[in-house]
C-alpha atoms as a PDB file:
ATOM      1  CA  MET A   1      21.212 -17.549  14.973  1.00  0.00           C
ATOM      2  CA  THR A   2      24.726 -16.629  15.915  1.00  0.00           C
ATOM      3  CA  GLU A   3      26.468 -17.842  19.032  1.00  0.00           C
ATOM      4  CA  PRO A   4      26.705 -15.322  21.882  1.00  0.00           C
ATOM      5  CA  LEU A   5      29.977 -13.486  22.084  1.00  0.00           C
ATOM      6  CA  PRO A   6      32.487 -14.856  24.590  1.00  0.00           C
ATOM      7  CA  ALA A   7      32.928 -12.666  27.656  1.00  0.00           C
ATOM      8  CA  ASP A   8      36.499 -11.723  26.735  1.00  0.00           C
ATOM      9  CA  ASP A   9      35.699 -10.769  23.120  1.00  0.00           C
ATOM     10  CA  PRO A  10      36.977  -7.237  22.303  1.00  0.00           C
ATOM     11  CA  ARG A  11      33.819  -6.510  20.282  1.00  0.00           C
ATOM     12  CA  HIS A  12      31.694  -6.214  23.454  1.00  0.00           C
ATOM     13  CA  GLY A  13      30.486  -2.676  24.007  1.00  0.00           C
ATOM     14  CA  THR A  14      30.377  -1.765  20.315  1.00  0.00           C
ATOM     15  CA  THR A  15      27.567  -1.088  17.888  1.00  0.00           C
ATOM     16  CA  ASN A  16      28.991  -3.881  15.741  1.00  0.00           C
ATOM     17  CA  GLY A  17      28.455  -6.303  18.621  1.00  0.00           C
ATOM     18  CA  TYR A  18      24.851  -5.139  19.001  1.00  0.00           C
ATOM     19  CA  THR A  19      23.851  -4.838  15.332  1.00  0.00           C
ATOM     20  CA  ASN A  20      25.796  -7.476  13.422  1.00  0.00           C
ATOM     21  CA  LEU A  21      26.598 -10.020  16.119  1.00  0.00           C
ATOM     22  CA  ARG A  22      23.249  -9.621  17.933  1.00  0.00           C
ATOM     23  CA  CYS A  23      24.793  -9.377  21.367  1.00  0.00           C
ATOM     24  CA  ARG A  24      22.364  -7.888  23.895  1.00  0.00           C
ATOM     25  CA  CYS A  25      24.627  -7.533  26.911  1.00  0.00           C
ATOM     26  CA  GLU A  26      24.490  -4.294  28.890  1.00  0.00           C
ATOM     27  CA  ARG A  27      27.674  -2.910  27.316  1.00  0.00           C
ATOM     28  CA  CYS A  28      26.493  -3.528  23.713  1.00  0.00           C
ATOM     29  CA  CYS A  29      23.025  -2.079  24.439  1.00  0.00           C
ATOM     30  CA  ALA A  30      24.612   1.011  26.013  1.00  0.00           C
ATOM     31  CA  ALA A  31      26.870   1.444  22.967  1.00  0.00           C
ATOM     32  CA  GLN A  32      23.891   1.251  20.596  1.00  0.00           C
ATOM     33  CA  THR A  33      21.899   3.770  22.659  1.00  0.00           C
ATOM     34  CA  ALA A  34      24.848   6.163  22.778  1.00  0.00           C
ATOM     35  CA  TYR A  35      25.249   5.842  19.006  1.00  0.00           C
ATOM     36  CA  PHE A  36      21.607   6.721  18.375  1.00  0.00           C
ATOM     37  CA  ARG A  37      21.703   9.639  20.809  1.00  0.00           C
ATOM     38  CA  GLU A  38      24.894  10.979  19.280  1.00  0.00           C
ATOM     39  CA  ARG A  39      23.533  10.852  15.730  1.00  0.00           C
ATOM     40  CA  GLY A  40      20.033  11.982  16.747  1.00  0.00           C
ATOM     41  CA  THR A  41      18.262   9.135  14.956  1.00  0.00           C
ATOM     42  CA  GLY A  42      15.488   6.723  15.852  1.00  0.00           C
ATOM     43  CA  PRO A  43      13.656   7.593  19.062  1.00  0.00           C
ATOM     44  CA  TYR A  44      16.383  10.136  19.880  1.00  0.00           C
ATOM     45  CA  LYS A  45      15.774  12.396  16.899  1.00  0.00           C
ATOM     46  CA  HIS A  46      16.525  16.006  17.768  1.00  0.00           C
ATOM     47  CA  ASP A  47      13.741  17.604  15.757  1.00  0.00           C
ATOM     48  CA  ARG A  48      11.237  19.839  17.469  1.00  0.00           C
ATOM     49  CA  CYS A  49       7.641  20.664  16.636  1.00  0.00           C
ATOM     50  CA  PRO A  50       7.451  24.052  14.867  1.00  0.00           C
ATOM     51  CA  ARG A  51       4.228  24.965  16.683  1.00  0.00           C
ATOM     52  CA  CYS A  52       5.024  24.160  20.320  1.00  0.00           C
ATOM     53  CA  GLY A  53       8.729  23.256  20.434  1.00  0.00           C
ATOM     54  CA  TRP A  54       8.269  19.800  21.977  1.00  0.00           C
ATOM     55  CA  PRO A  55      10.215  16.831  20.539  1.00  0.00           C
ATOM     56  CA  LYS A  56       8.397  15.189  17.668  1.00  0.00           C
ATOM     57  CA  TYR A  57       8.478  11.820  15.999  1.00  0.00           C
ATOM     58  CA  ALA A  58      11.081  11.162  13.311  1.00  0.00           C
ATOM     59  CA  VAL A  59       8.653  11.049  10.386  1.00  0.00           C
ATOM     60  CA  ALA A  60       6.015  13.491  11.646  1.00  0.00           C
ATOM     61  CA  LYS A  61       5.931  17.170  10.832  1.00  0.00           C
ATOM     62  CA  LEU A  62       4.259  18.055  14.141  1.00  0.00           C
ATOM     63  CA  CYS A  63       4.096  16.523  17.609  1.00  0.00           C
ATOM     64  CA  ARG A  64       1.036  14.391  18.373  1.00  0.00           C
ATOM     65  CA  GLU A  65      -0.897  17.076  20.285  1.00  0.00           C
ATOM     66  CA  CYS A  66      -0.398  19.733  17.593  1.00  0.00           C
ATOM     67  CA  ARG A  67      -1.275  17.250  14.840  1.00  0.00           C
ATOM     68  CA  ASP A  68      -4.516  16.275  16.585  1.00  0.00           C
ATOM     69  CA  ALA A  69      -5.404  19.917  17.284  1.00  0.00           C
ATOM     70  CA  LYS A  70      -4.857  20.783  13.621  1.00  0.00           C
ATOM     71  CA  ARG A  71      -7.116  17.933  12.498  1.00  0.00           C
ATOM     72  CA  GLU A  72      -9.968  18.981  14.763  1.00  0.00           C
ATOM     73  CA  ALA A  73     -12.821  20.461  12.753  1.00  0.00           C
ATOM     74  CA  PRO A  74     -14.764  23.402  14.220  1.00  0.00           C
ATOM     75  CA  HIS A  75     -18.212  22.995  15.751  1.00  0.00           C
ATOM     76  CA  GLY A  76     -21.174  23.275  13.432  1.00  0.00           C
ATOM     77  CA  THR A  77     -19.496  21.422  10.547  1.00  0.00           C
ATOM     78  CA  GLU A  78     -20.276  18.073   9.030  1.00  0.00           C
ATOM     79  CA  ALA A  79     -16.741  16.811   9.687  1.00  0.00           C
ATOM     80  CA  ARG A  80     -17.043  17.443  13.439  1.00  0.00           C
ATOM     81  CA  TYR A  81     -20.226  15.334  13.682  1.00  0.00           C
ATOM     82  CA  LYS A  82     -18.117  12.161  13.935  1.00  0.00           C
ATOM     83  CA  ARG A  83     -16.886  13.283  17.368  1.00  0.00           C
ATOM     84  CA  CYS A  84     -19.540  15.693  18.566  1.00  0.00           C
ATOM     85  CA  HIS A  85     -23.306  15.306  18.395  1.00  0.00           C
ATOM     86  CA  CYS A  86     -24.320  18.746  19.609  1.00  0.00           C
ATOM     87  CA  ASP A  87     -27.283  20.430  17.906  1.00  0.00           C
ATOM     88  CA  ALA A  88     -25.096  22.543  15.609  1.00  0.00           C
ATOM     89  CA  CYS A  89     -23.016  19.571  14.403  1.00  0.00           C
ATOM     90  CA  ARG A  90     -26.101  17.380  14.005  1.00  0.00           C
ATOM     91  CA  ALA A  91     -27.831  20.044  11.896  1.00  0.00           C
ATOM     92  CA  ALA A  92     -24.727  20.494   9.727  1.00  0.00           C
ATOM     93  CA  ALA A  93     -24.482  16.739   9.119  1.00  0.00           C
ATOM     94  CA  ALA A  94     -28.174  16.497   8.221  1.00  0.00           C
ATOM     95  CA  ALA A  95     -27.874  19.452   5.850  1.00  0.00           C
ATOM     96  CA  GLY A  96     -24.845  17.886   4.168  1.00  0.00           C
ATOM     97  CA  ARG A  97     -26.629  14.552   3.655  1.00  0.00           C
ATOM     98  CA  ARG A  98     -29.708  16.335   2.338  1.00  0.00           C
ATOM     99  CA  LYS A  99     -27.610  18.370  -0.089  1.00  0.00           C
ATOM    100  CA  ARG A 100     -25.771  15.311  -1.432  1.00  0.00           C
ATOM    101  CA  ARG A 101     -28.996  13.361  -1.765  1.00  0.00           C
ATOM    102  CA  HIS A 102     -30.677  16.083  -3.830  1.00  0.00           C
ATOM    103  CA  GLU A 103     -27.622  16.935  -5.932  1.00  0.00           C
ATOM    104  CA  ASN A 104     -26.712  13.376  -6.786  1.00  0.00           C
ATOM    105  CA  PRO A 105     -29.611  10.962  -6.559  1.00  0.00           C
ATOM    106  CA  ASN A 106     -28.339   7.508  -7.391  1.00  0.00           C
ATOM    107  CA  VAL A 107     -31.556   6.545  -9.160  1.00  0.00           C
ATOM    108  CA  ALA A 108     -31.889   5.332 -12.715  1.00  0.00           C
ATOM    109  CA  VAL A 109     -35.546   4.304 -12.387  1.00  0.00           C
ATOM    110  CA  HIS A 110     -38.172   5.495  -9.938  1.00  0.00           C
ATOM    111  CA  ASN A 111     -39.402   2.432  -8.056  1.00  0.00           C
ATOM    112  CA  ALA A 112     -39.269   0.752  -4.656  1.00  0.00           C
ATOM    113  CA  ASN A 113     -35.458   0.709  -4.706  1.00  0.00           C
ATOM    114  CA  GLY A 114     -35.247   4.372  -5.647  1.00  0.00           C
ATOM    115  CA  TYR A 115     -36.040   5.404  -2.068  1.00  0.00           C
ATOM    116  CA  ALA A 116     -33.200   3.243  -0.742  1.00  0.00           C
ATOM    117  CA  ASN A 117     -30.859   4.867  -3.276  1.00  0.00           C
ATOM    118  CA  GLY A 118     -31.636   8.390  -2.112  1.00  0.00           C
ATOM    119  CA  CYS A 119     -34.626   9.549  -4.131  1.00  0.00           C
ATOM    120  CA  ARG A 120     -37.432  11.069  -2.039  1.00  0.00           C
ATOM    121  CA  CYS A 121     -40.054  11.716  -4.705  1.00  0.00           C
ATOM    122  CA  ASP A 122     -43.662  10.582  -4.045  1.00  0.00           C
ATOM    123  CA  GLU A 123     -43.393   7.665  -6.468  1.00  0.00           C
ATOM    124  CA  CYS A 124     -40.310   6.232  -4.730  1.00  0.00           C
ATOM    125  CA  ARG A 125     -41.801   6.769  -1.255  1.00  0.00           C
ATOM    126  CA  GLU A 126     -44.959   4.917  -2.214  1.00  0.00           C
ATOM    127  CA  GLY A 127     -42.981   2.111  -3.868  1.00  0.00           C
ATOM    128  CA  SER A 128     -40.867   1.697  -0.751  1.00  0.00           C
ATOM    129  CA  ARG A 129     -43.969   1.658   1.483  1.00  0.00           C
ATOM    130  CA  ILE A 130     -45.609  -1.061  -0.643  1.00  0.00           C
ATOM    131  CA  ARG A 131     -42.397  -3.117  -0.776  1.00  0.00           C
ATOM    132  CA  HIS A 132     -42.035  -3.060   3.012  1.00  0.00           C
ATOM    133  CA  ALA A 133     -45.695  -3.957   3.496  1.00  0.00           C
ATOM    134  CA  GLU A 134     -45.257  -6.985   1.214  1.00  0.00           C
ATOM    135  CA  ARG A 135     -42.158  -8.102   3.105  1.00  0.00           C
ATOM    136  CA  ARG A 136     -43.957  -7.794   6.445  1.00  0.00           C
ATOM    137  CA  ALA A 137     -46.824  -9.891   5.059  1.00  0.00           C
ATOM    138  CA  LEU A 138     -44.327 -12.612   4.105  1.00  0.00           C
ATOM    139  CA  GLY A 139     -42.820 -12.553   7.585  1.00  0.00           C
ATOM    140  CA  LYS A 140     -39.557 -10.928   6.537  1.00  0.00           C
ATOM    141  CA  ARG A 141     -38.398  -7.759   8.149  1.00  0.00           C
END
C-alpha cells in the first residue's frame, strides 16, 4: 500500500492522485468524478434507452424496465407459468409437459422405472404401482 499523499503535494485534486496514488481525499475524488462525467463512462455513461429514452447501464442495450418488459411472456404460455399460475398459464404448462412426454419418452424398457421416466402406458403404470406397494411394505416411502 502506498503512503498517503502529503497535504502540500501538487498531485492532489488530479485523477492521477486518485487512480495511481490511491488518494481518497475530497479533491481527488471530485477530480475522478468530473473525469468520468466529462468522458461519459462508468456510471455516468450518456447512452439512453431506445425504447423509453431513460439513461441505461453501460453494457445493456435497454434500461432495466424495458428489458424486463421485453422478457415478459404473454399469458396462456408455458413460459409465463413460472410467474403466473392462472388457469390459462397452468393449462399451457400442462399441455407442454404432456406434449414433451409423448413426443420424447425417455424409456428404453417398459418396467417400473418407465413411469418415472415419462412413459404412461399400462405396463409402466402397473409396474410403478407394484414397485411402490413393495416399498411401502418394506417401510420405505
